[in-house]
């Protein structure tokens, strides 16, 4: 598959089949994330894979309820991948302080995008989640209060086999400037 086909194929999936995702495929996606570039080669990420249904359901019930209930659909996904934001190396943190940029968040974004693109190539659906109770999630997983979770990805086989939705994006002329 050409890259342009892959980015057109990848979309947020919110309905999943109950078919389990083999760990070998999950590991292929994590390997794609591992190979992502990062500021000063910091690689400021680690990932927790939740494929145990009881744990996944507890995470959804406790961290995606109340004001976060728009993400209840996550319960249908067989896999959650919790992206832990780690500290960047000294030079990347220093540069980030001087420029007021959180390079570790940019790096997490790149790694997670590699992961979801690999998933799409493998026929898996994914959805990025940033709207959840971080404290409730950390409590379920037994993570320290100092741990930072900025992104959760849900993953599974899409419930329906249909062509990708038409992407509604700004025209190129609205986002591009040449000088």
N, C-alpha and C. Protein backbone atom coordinates (compact mmCIF):
# COMPACT_ATOMS: atom_id res chain seq x y z
N UNK A 1 0.83 -1.17 0.00
CA UNK A 1 0.00 0.00 0.00
C UNK A 1 0.89 1.24 0.00
N UNK A 2 0.56 2.19 -0.86
CA UNK A 2 1.29 3.44 -0.90
C UNK A 2 0.93 4.27 0.33
N UNK A 3 1.86 5.15 0.72
CA UNK A 3 1.62 5.98 1.90
C UNK A 3 0.35 6.82 1.75
N UNK A 4 0.14 7.40 0.57
CA UNK A 4 -1.05 8.23 0.36
C UNK A 4 -2.33 7.40 0.54
N UNK A 5 -2.30 6.14 0.15
CA UNK A 5 -3.46 5.26 0.36
C UNK A 5 -3.65 4.99 1.85
N UNK A 6 -2.54 4.79 2.55
CA UNK A 6 -2.60 4.49 3.98
C UNK A 6 -3.20 5.66 4.77
N UNK A 7 -2.74 6.89 4.49
CA UNK A 7 -3.28 8.03 5.25
C UNK A 7 -4.73 8.31 4.89
N UNK A 8 -5.14 7.92 3.69
CA UNK A 8 -6.56 8.05 3.35
C UNK A 8 -7.39 6.96 4.00
N UNK A 9 -6.80 5.79 4.20
CA UNK A 9 -7.51 4.67 4.82
C UNK A 9 -7.70 4.88 6.32
N UNK A 10 -6.68 5.45 6.98
CA UNK A 10 -6.71 5.57 8.44
C UNK A 10 -7.77 6.59 8.87
N UNK A 11 -8.64 6.17 9.77
CA UNK A 11 -9.65 7.04 10.34
C UNK A 11 -9.97 6.58 11.76
N UNK A 12 -10.61 7.42 12.53
CA UNK A 12 -10.98 7.04 13.89
C UNK A 12 -12.11 6.02 13.84
N UNK A 13 -11.88 4.90 14.50
CA UNK A 13 -12.87 3.82 14.55
C UNK A 13 -13.54 3.87 15.91
N UNK A 14 -14.88 3.84 15.91
CA UNK A 14 -15.62 3.91 17.16
C UNK A 14 -16.56 2.73 17.36
N UNK A 15 -16.52 1.77 16.44
CA UNK A 15 -17.30 0.54 16.60
C UNK A 15 -16.39 -0.63 16.21
N UNK A 16 -16.23 -1.57 17.14
CA UNK A 16 -15.29 -2.67 16.94
C UNK A 16 -16.00 -4.02 17.01
N UNK A 17 -15.43 -4.99 16.29
CA UNK A 17 -15.90 -6.37 16.43
C UNK A 17 -15.29 -6.93 17.71
N UNK A 18 -15.82 -8.04 18.17
CA UNK A 18 -15.30 -8.65 19.41
C UNK A 18 -14.09 -9.54 19.13
N UNK A 19 -13.69 -9.66 17.87
CA UNK A 19 -12.55 -10.50 17.51
C UNK A 19 -11.29 -10.01 18.22
N UNK A 20 -10.61 -10.91 18.95
CA UNK A 20 -9.38 -10.48 19.65
C UNK A 20 -8.28 -10.10 18.66
N UNK A 21 -7.44 -9.19 19.09
CA UNK A 21 -6.30 -8.77 18.28
C UNK A 21 -5.08 -9.57 18.76
N UNK A 22 -4.46 -10.34 17.87
CA UNK A 22 -3.28 -11.11 18.28
C UNK A 22 -2.16 -10.19 18.80
N UNK A 23 -1.49 -10.61 19.83
CA UNK A 23 -0.41 -9.80 20.41
C UNK A 23 0.71 -9.56 19.41
N UNK A 24 0.88 -10.46 18.45
CA UNK A 24 1.91 -10.26 17.43
C UNK A 24 1.62 -8.99 16.62
N UNK A 25 0.33 -8.75 16.33
CA UNK A 25 -0.03 -7.54 15.58
C UNK A 25 0.13 -6.29 16.45
N UNK A 26 -0.24 -6.41 17.71
CA UNK A 26 -0.05 -5.28 18.63
C UNK A 26 1.43 -4.94 18.70
N UNK A 27 2.27 -5.98 18.80
CA UNK A 27 3.72 -5.74 18.87
C UNK A 27 4.26 -5.11 17.59
N UNK A 28 3.69 -5.44 16.43
CA UNK A 28 4.11 -4.79 15.19
C UNK A 28 3.81 -3.29 15.25
N UNK A 29 2.67 -2.96 15.81
CA UNK A 29 2.30 -1.55 15.95
C UNK A 29 3.22 -0.84 16.94
N UNK A 30 3.52 -1.51 18.04
CA UNK A 30 4.43 -0.92 19.03
C UNK A 30 5.84 -0.77 18.48
N UNK A 31 6.24 -1.70 17.62
CA UNK A 31 7.55 -1.58 16.98
C UNK A 31 7.59 -0.35 16.07
N UNK A 32 6.50 -0.08 15.37
CA UNK A 32 6.44 1.12 14.53
C UNK A 32 6.59 2.37 15.41
N UNK A 33 5.94 2.36 16.57
CA UNK A 33 6.06 3.49 17.50
C UNK A 33 7.49 3.60 18.03
N UNK A 34 8.09 2.48 18.35
CA UNK A 34 9.46 2.46 18.88
C UNK A 34 10.44 3.11 17.91
N UNK A 35 10.21 2.94 16.62
CA UNK A 35 11.12 3.45 15.60
C UNK A 35 10.90 4.92 15.26
N UNK A 36 9.92 5.56 15.89
CA UNK A 36 9.62 6.96 15.60
C UNK A 36 10.78 7.86 16.02
N UNK A 37 11.01 8.93 15.27
CA UNK A 37 12.04 9.89 15.67
C UNK A 37 11.57 10.69 16.88
N UNK A 38 12.54 11.24 17.61
CA UNK A 38 12.21 12.09 18.77
C UNK A 38 13.33 13.10 18.98
N UNK A 39 13.00 14.18 19.65
CA UNK A 39 13.97 15.25 19.91
C UNK A 39 15.15 14.69 20.70
N UNK A 40 16.35 14.90 20.18
CA UNK A 40 17.59 14.40 20.80
C UNK A 40 17.54 12.90 21.07
N UNK A 41 16.78 12.19 20.27
CA UNK A 41 16.59 10.74 20.42
C UNK A 41 16.14 10.37 21.84
N UNK A 42 15.32 11.22 22.44
CA UNK A 42 14.86 11.01 23.82
C UNK A 42 13.99 9.77 23.97
N UNK A 43 13.17 9.50 22.96
CA UNK A 43 12.21 8.39 23.03
C UNK A 43 11.42 8.47 24.35
N UNK A 44 10.73 9.60 24.58
CA UNK A 44 10.09 9.83 25.87
C UNK A 44 8.72 9.16 26.00
N UNK A 45 8.69 7.87 25.76
CA UNK A 45 7.42 7.14 25.80
C UNK A 45 7.62 5.74 26.35
N UNK A 46 6.55 5.23 26.88
CA UNK A 46 6.42 3.80 27.16
C UNK A 46 4.94 3.51 26.99
N UNK A 47 4.62 2.25 26.81
CA UNK A 47 3.24 1.88 26.50
C UNK A 47 2.77 0.75 27.40
N UNK A 48 1.55 0.85 27.86
CA UNK A 48 0.90 -0.23 28.59
C UNK A 48 -0.21 -0.75 27.71
N UNK A 49 -0.18 -2.03 27.40
CA UNK A 49 -1.21 -2.65 26.57
C UNK A 49 -2.20 -3.34 27.50
N UNK A 50 -3.45 -2.98 27.35
CA UNK A 50 -4.52 -3.60 28.14
C UNK A 50 -5.39 -4.40 27.18
N UNK A 51 -5.22 -5.73 27.22
CA UNK A 51 -6.07 -6.59 26.40
C UNK A 51 -6.89 -7.55 27.26
N UNK A 52 -6.81 -7.39 28.57
CA UNK A 52 -7.66 -8.14 29.50
C UNK A 52 -9.00 -7.42 29.58
N UNK A 53 -10.09 -8.12 29.25
CA UNK A 53 -11.39 -7.46 29.14
C UNK A 53 -11.85 -6.84 30.46
N UNK A 54 -11.63 -7.54 31.57
CA UNK A 54 -12.08 -7.01 32.86
C UNK A 54 -11.34 -5.71 33.20
N UNK A 55 -10.04 -5.69 32.98
CA UNK A 55 -9.25 -4.48 33.26
C UNK A 55 -9.66 -3.35 32.33
N UNK A 56 -9.84 -3.67 31.05
CA UNK A 56 -10.26 -2.65 30.09
C UNK A 56 -11.60 -2.06 30.49
N UNK A 57 -12.54 -2.91 30.86
CA UNK A 57 -13.87 -2.43 31.25
C UNK A 57 -13.81 -1.57 32.51
N UNK A 58 -12.95 -1.94 33.45
CA UNK A 58 -12.79 -1.14 34.67
C UNK A 58 -12.22 0.24 34.32
N UNK A 59 -11.25 0.26 33.41
CA UNK A 59 -10.68 1.54 32.97
C UNK A 59 -11.76 2.41 32.35
N UNK A 60 -12.56 1.83 31.46
CA UNK A 60 -13.61 2.60 30.79
C UNK A 60 -14.65 3.07 31.82
N UNK A 61 -15.09 2.17 32.71
CA UNK A 61 -16.10 2.53 33.70
C UNK A 61 -15.64 3.64 34.62
N UNK A 62 -14.37 3.62 34.99
CA UNK A 62 -13.89 4.58 35.98
C UNK A 62 -13.27 5.84 35.39
N UNK A 63 -12.69 5.75 34.20
CA UNK A 63 -12.02 6.93 33.65
C UNK A 63 -12.76 7.56 32.48
N UNK A 64 -13.82 6.91 32.01
CA UNK A 64 -14.55 7.45 30.87
C UNK A 64 -16.05 7.51 31.17
N UNK A 65 -16.35 7.96 32.38
CA UNK A 65 -17.74 8.14 32.79
C UNK A 65 -17.95 9.60 33.19
N UNK A 66 -19.18 9.94 33.53
CA UNK A 66 -19.48 11.32 33.89
C UNK A 66 -19.20 12.26 32.73
N UNK A 67 -18.39 13.28 32.97
CA UNK A 67 -18.12 14.25 31.90
C UNK A 67 -17.32 13.63 30.76
N UNK A 68 -16.74 12.46 30.98
CA UNK A 68 -15.93 11.78 29.97
C UNK A 68 -16.72 10.69 29.22
N UNK A 69 -18.03 10.62 29.45
CA UNK A 69 -18.82 9.49 28.94
C UNK A 69 -18.96 9.46 27.42
N UNK A 70 -18.54 10.50 26.73
CA UNK A 70 -18.59 10.46 25.26
C UNK A 70 -17.68 9.37 24.71
N UNK A 71 -16.77 8.86 25.53
CA UNK A 71 -15.85 7.81 25.09
C UNK A 71 -16.26 6.41 25.55
N UNK A 72 -17.52 6.23 25.94
CA UNK A 72 -17.99 4.90 26.37
C UNK A 72 -17.85 3.86 25.25
N UNK A 73 -17.83 4.30 24.00
CA UNK A 73 -17.68 3.37 22.88
C UNK A 73 -16.43 2.53 23.00
N UNK A 74 -15.46 3.01 23.77
CA UNK A 74 -14.18 2.32 23.92
C UNK A 74 -14.38 0.91 24.47
N UNK A 75 -15.47 0.68 25.18
CA UNK A 75 -15.73 -0.64 25.75
C UNK A 75 -15.82 -1.71 24.67
N UNK A 76 -16.17 -1.33 23.44
CA UNK A 76 -16.28 -2.32 22.37
C UNK A 76 -14.92 -2.69 21.77
N UNK A 77 -13.89 -1.89 22.06
CA UNK A 77 -12.55 -2.18 21.53
C UNK A 77 -11.88 -3.25 22.38
N UNK A 78 -11.28 -4.25 21.76
CA UNK A 78 -10.62 -5.30 22.54
C UNK A 78 -9.29 -4.88 23.18
N UNK A 79 -8.70 -3.78 22.72
CA UNK A 79 -7.37 -3.39 23.21
C UNK A 79 -7.34 -1.89 23.51
N UNK A 80 -6.70 -1.56 24.63
CA UNK A 80 -6.35 -0.18 24.94
C UNK A 80 -4.83 -0.10 25.02
N UNK A 81 -4.27 0.96 24.47
CA UNK A 81 -2.84 1.20 24.60
C UNK A 81 -2.69 2.55 25.29
N UNK A 82 -2.13 2.50 26.48
CA UNK A 82 -1.92 3.70 27.29
C UNK A 82 -0.51 4.20 27.03
N UNK A 83 -0.43 5.40 26.49
CA UNK A 83 0.88 5.99 26.18
C UNK A 83 1.34 6.81 27.37
N UNK A 84 2.43 6.38 27.98
CA UNK A 84 3.00 7.08 29.12
C UNK A 84 4.00 8.11 28.59
N UNK A 85 3.83 9.36 28.99
CA UNK A 85 4.74 10.42 28.58
C UNK A 85 5.90 10.46 29.57
N UNK A 86 7.08 10.16 29.08
CA UNK A 86 8.28 10.16 29.91
C UNK A 86 9.01 11.49 29.71
N UNK A 87 10.03 11.74 30.52
CA UNK A 87 10.83 12.94 30.36
C UNK A 87 11.75 12.80 29.16
N UNK A 88 11.96 13.91 28.48
CA UNK A 88 12.95 13.97 27.41
C UNK A 88 14.34 14.04 28.01
N UNK A 89 15.35 13.80 27.18
CA UNK A 89 16.73 13.97 27.65
C UNK A 89 16.97 15.45 27.94
N UNK A 90 18.04 15.73 28.66
CA UNK A 90 18.34 17.07 29.15
C UNK A 90 18.31 18.12 28.04
N UNK A 91 18.99 17.85 26.92
CA UNK A 91 19.09 18.86 25.86
C UNK A 91 17.73 19.17 25.25
N UNK A 92 16.89 18.16 25.11
CA UNK A 92 15.56 18.40 24.57
C UNK A 92 14.70 19.20 25.57
N UNK A 93 14.84 18.89 26.86
CA UNK A 93 14.09 19.66 27.87
C UNK A 93 14.57 21.10 27.92
N UNK A 94 15.90 21.29 27.87
CA UNK A 94 16.46 22.64 27.90
C UNK A 94 15.98 23.44 26.69
N UNK A 95 16.10 22.86 25.51
CA UNK A 95 15.62 23.54 24.30
C UNK A 95 14.13 23.84 24.39
N UNK A 96 13.37 22.91 24.95
CA UNK A 96 11.94 23.11 25.12
C UNK A 96 11.64 24.26 26.07
N UNK A 97 12.42 24.37 27.14
CA UNK A 97 12.22 25.48 28.09
C UNK A 97 12.54 26.81 27.41
N UNK A 98 13.61 26.85 26.64
CA UNK A 98 14.00 28.09 25.98
C UNK A 98 12.99 28.51 24.91
N UNK A 99 12.39 27.53 24.26
CA UNK A 99 11.42 27.83 23.20
C UNK A 99 9.97 27.72 23.65
N UNK A 100 9.76 27.30 24.91
CA UNK A 100 8.42 27.09 25.45
C UNK A 100 7.66 26.04 24.62
N UNK A 101 8.34 24.93 24.36
CA UNK A 101 7.78 23.82 23.58
C UNK A 101 7.95 22.54 24.38
N UNK A 102 6.91 21.76 24.46
CA UNK A 102 7.00 20.46 25.14
C UNK A 102 7.32 19.40 24.07
N UNK A 103 8.61 19.23 23.83
CA UNK A 103 9.02 18.30 22.78
C UNK A 103 8.56 16.87 23.07
N UNK A 104 8.45 16.50 24.35
CA UNK A 104 8.02 15.13 24.63
C UNK A 104 6.59 14.89 24.14
N UNK A 105 5.75 15.92 24.15
CA UNK A 105 4.39 15.75 23.62
C UNK A 105 4.41 15.62 22.09
N UNK A 106 5.27 16.38 21.45
CA UNK A 106 5.42 16.24 19.99
C UNK A 106 5.90 14.82 19.68
N UNK A 107 6.88 14.36 20.45
CA UNK A 107 7.44 13.03 20.22
C UNK A 107 6.39 11.93 20.44
N UNK A 108 5.58 12.07 21.48
CA UNK A 108 4.50 11.11 21.74
C UNK A 108 3.54 11.09 20.55
N UNK A 109 3.23 12.28 20.04
CA UNK A 109 2.33 12.36 18.88
C UNK A 109 2.88 11.63 17.67
N UNK A 110 4.17 11.80 17.42
CA UNK A 110 4.80 11.12 16.28
C UNK A 110 4.76 9.60 16.49
N UNK A 111 5.13 9.15 17.69
CA UNK A 111 5.15 7.70 17.98
C UNK A 111 3.76 7.10 17.86
N UNK A 112 2.77 7.79 18.41
CA UNK A 112 1.40 7.26 18.34
C UNK A 112 0.87 7.27 16.91
N UNK A 113 1.25 8.25 16.13
CA UNK A 113 0.81 8.26 14.73
C UNK A 113 1.45 7.11 13.96
N UNK A 114 2.73 6.83 14.22
CA UNK A 114 3.36 5.65 13.61
C UNK A 114 2.55 4.40 13.98
N UNK A 115 2.17 4.30 15.25
CA UNK A 115 1.43 3.13 15.73
C UNK A 115 0.09 2.98 15.01
N UNK A 116 -0.68 4.06 14.92
CA UNK A 116 -2.01 3.94 14.30
C UNK A 116 -1.92 3.72 12.80
N UNK A 117 -0.89 4.26 12.16
CA UNK A 117 -0.73 4.00 10.72
C UNK A 117 -0.36 2.54 10.47
N UNK A 118 0.50 1.99 11.34
CA UNK A 118 0.82 0.56 11.21
C UNK A 118 -0.43 -0.27 11.43
N UNK A 119 -1.24 0.10 12.41
CA UNK A 119 -2.49 -0.62 12.68
C UNK A 119 -3.40 -0.59 11.45
N UNK A 120 -3.51 0.57 10.82
CA UNK A 120 -4.36 0.69 9.63
C UNK A 120 -3.87 -0.22 8.52
N UNK A 121 -2.55 -0.28 8.34
CA UNK A 121 -2.00 -1.16 7.31
C UNK A 121 -2.33 -2.62 7.60
N UNK A 122 -2.42 -2.97 8.89
CA UNK A 122 -2.73 -4.34 9.28
C UNK A 122 -4.22 -4.64 9.31
N UNK A 123 -5.05 -3.65 8.95
CA UNK A 123 -6.49 -3.86 8.94
C UNK A 123 -7.16 -3.62 10.29
N UNK A 124 -6.44 -2.98 11.20
CA UNK A 124 -6.98 -2.68 12.53
C UNK A 124 -7.47 -1.24 12.57
N UNK A 125 -8.52 -1.03 13.34
CA UNK A 125 -9.02 0.32 13.56
C UNK A 125 -8.47 0.85 14.88
N UNK A 126 -8.34 2.15 14.96
CA UNK A 126 -7.86 2.80 16.19
C UNK A 126 -8.61 4.10 16.39
N UNK A 127 -8.54 4.60 17.61
CA UNK A 127 -9.06 5.93 17.91
C UNK A 127 -8.19 6.55 19.00
N UNK A 128 -7.75 7.76 18.76
CA UNK A 128 -6.99 8.53 19.75
C UNK A 128 -7.95 9.04 20.80
N UNK A 129 -7.54 8.98 22.05
CA UNK A 129 -8.36 9.50 23.15
C UNK A 129 -7.51 10.43 24.01
N UNK A 130 -8.00 11.60 24.22
CA UNK A 130 -7.35 12.53 25.12
C UNK A 130 -8.30 13.00 26.20
N UNK A 131 -9.56 12.58 26.09
CA UNK A 131 -10.61 13.01 27.02
C UNK A 131 -10.95 11.84 27.94
N UNK A 132 -10.33 11.82 29.10
CA UNK A 132 -10.54 10.76 30.10
C UNK A 132 -10.03 11.28 31.43
N UNK A 133 -10.43 10.62 32.50
CA UNK A 133 -9.93 10.98 33.82
C UNK A 133 -8.57 10.32 34.01
N UNK A 134 -7.53 11.11 33.92
CA UNK A 134 -6.18 10.58 34.05
C UNK A 134 -5.98 9.96 35.43
N UNK A 135 -6.48 10.60 36.47
CA UNK A 135 -6.30 10.08 37.83
C UNK A 135 -6.99 8.74 38.01
N UNK A 136 -8.20 8.60 37.48
CA UNK A 136 -8.92 7.33 37.59
C UNK A 136 -8.20 6.23 36.81
N UNK A 137 -7.71 6.56 35.64
CA UNK A 137 -6.96 5.60 34.82
C UNK A 137 -5.72 5.12 35.57
N UNK A 138 -4.96 6.07 36.13
CA UNK A 138 -3.74 5.71 36.85
C UNK A 138 -4.06 4.85 38.08
N UNK A 139 -5.17 5.12 38.72
CA UNK A 139 -5.56 4.33 39.90
C UNK A 139 -5.85 2.88 39.51
N UNK A 140 -6.59 2.68 38.43
CA UNK A 140 -6.90 1.32 37.97
C UNK A 140 -5.62 0.56 37.63
N UNK A 141 -4.68 1.23 36.98
CA UNK A 141 -3.44 0.57 36.55
C UNK A 141 -2.35 0.57 37.62
N UNK A 142 -2.62 1.17 38.77
CA UNK A 142 -1.63 1.20 39.84
C UNK A 142 -0.42 2.05 39.51
N UNK A 143 -0.62 3.11 38.74
CA UNK A 143 0.48 3.99 38.35
C UNK A 143 0.63 5.11 39.39
N UNK A 144 1.85 5.59 39.56
CA UNK A 144 2.10 6.65 40.53
C UNK A 144 1.45 7.95 40.09
N UNK A 145 1.24 8.83 41.04
CA UNK A 145 0.65 10.15 40.73
C UNK A 145 1.56 10.95 39.82
N UNK A 146 2.86 10.68 39.83
CA UNK A 146 3.81 11.41 39.00
C UNK A 146 3.81 10.95 37.55
N UNK A 147 3.21 9.80 37.27
CA UNK A 147 3.14 9.29 35.90
C UNK A 147 2.23 10.21 35.09
N UNK A 148 2.61 10.50 33.87
CA UNK A 148 1.82 11.37 33.00
C UNK A 148 1.27 10.56 31.83
N UNK A 149 -0.06 10.56 31.71
CA UNK A 149 -0.73 9.89 30.60
C UNK A 149 -1.48 10.95 29.81
N UNK A 150 -1.02 11.22 28.61
CA UNK A 150 -1.66 12.22 27.76
C UNK A 150 -2.52 11.60 26.67
N UNK A 151 -2.23 10.35 26.31
CA UNK A 151 -2.93 9.71 25.19
C UNK A 151 -3.27 8.27 25.54
N UNK A 152 -4.48 7.88 25.19
CA UNK A 152 -4.88 6.48 25.20
C UNK A 152 -5.38 6.17 23.80
N UNK A 153 -4.97 5.03 23.27
CA UNK A 153 -5.44 4.58 21.96
C UNK A 153 -6.30 3.34 22.16
N UNK A 154 -7.45 3.28 21.51
CA UNK A 154 -8.18 2.02 21.51
C UNK A 154 -7.95 1.38 20.14
N UNK A 155 -8.01 0.04 20.13
CA UNK A 155 -7.64 -0.70 18.92
C UNK A 155 -8.47 -1.97 18.80
N UNK A 156 -8.78 -2.32 17.58
CA UNK A 156 -9.47 -3.57 17.31
C UNK A 156 -9.84 -3.64 15.83
N UNK A 157 -10.50 -4.72 15.49
CA UNK A 157 -10.99 -4.86 14.12
C UNK A 157 -12.28 -4.05 14.01
N UNK A 158 -12.40 -3.22 12.97
CA UNK A 158 -13.65 -2.46 12.82
C UNK A 158 -14.85 -3.39 12.71
N UNK A 159 -15.99 -2.95 13.29
CA UNK A 159 -17.20 -3.76 13.27
C UNK A 159 -17.75 -3.92 11.85
N UNK A 160 -17.54 -2.92 11.04
CA UNK A 160 -18.05 -2.95 9.68
C UNK A 160 -16.89 -2.82 8.70
N UNK A 161 -17.00 -3.55 7.61
CA UNK A 161 -16.01 -3.44 6.54
C UNK A 161 -16.60 -2.49 5.50
N UNK A 162 -16.19 -1.25 5.57
CA UNK A 162 -16.72 -0.25 4.66
C UNK A 162 -15.59 0.66 4.20
N UNK A 163 -15.79 1.33 3.10
CA UNK A 163 -14.74 2.25 2.64
C UNK A 163 -14.59 3.40 3.63
N UNK A 164 -13.39 3.99 3.69
CA UNK A 164 -13.18 5.11 4.62
C UNK A 164 -14.13 6.27 4.32
N UNK A 165 -14.50 6.97 5.38
CA UNK A 165 -15.34 8.16 5.22
C UNK A 165 -14.57 9.22 4.43
N UNK A 166 -15.30 10.07 3.73
CA UNK A 166 -14.64 11.17 3.04
C UNK A 166 -14.06 12.11 4.08
N UNK A 167 -12.81 12.47 3.91
CA UNK A 167 -12.14 13.36 4.86
C UNK A 167 -12.54 14.80 4.56
N UNK A 168 -13.01 15.48 5.57
CA UNK A 168 -13.37 16.89 5.43
C UNK A 168 -12.23 17.69 6.03
N UNK A 169 -11.44 18.26 5.18
CA UNK A 169 -10.25 18.99 5.58
C UNK A 169 -10.21 20.34 4.87
N UNK A 170 -9.47 21.26 5.45
CA UNK A 170 -9.27 22.55 4.79
C UNK A 170 -8.56 22.30 3.48
N UNK A 171 -8.84 23.12 2.46
CA UNK A 171 -8.11 22.96 1.20
C UNK A 171 -6.64 23.30 1.38
N UNK A 172 -5.82 22.71 0.55
CA UNK A 172 -4.37 22.92 0.61
C UNK A 172 -4.02 24.41 0.54
N UNK A 173 -4.74 25.17 -0.29
CA UNK A 173 -4.46 26.59 -0.41
C UNK A 173 -4.67 27.37 0.89
N UNK A 174 -5.46 26.82 1.80
CA UNK A 174 -5.73 27.48 3.09
C UNK A 174 -4.65 27.18 4.13
N UNK A 175 -3.86 26.13 3.93
CA UNK A 175 -2.87 25.75 4.94
C UNK A 175 -1.43 25.88 4.46
N UNK A 176 -1.23 26.23 3.19
CA UNK A 176 0.12 26.27 2.61
C UNK A 176 0.47 27.68 2.18
N UNK A 177 1.72 28.04 2.45
CA UNK A 177 2.28 29.30 1.95
C UNK A 177 3.69 29.03 1.47
N UNK A 178 4.03 29.58 0.33
CA UNK A 178 5.39 29.54 -0.17
C UNK A 178 5.99 30.94 -0.07
N UNK A 179 7.27 30.99 0.22
CA UNK A 179 8.00 32.26 0.24
C UNK A 179 9.23 32.15 -0.60
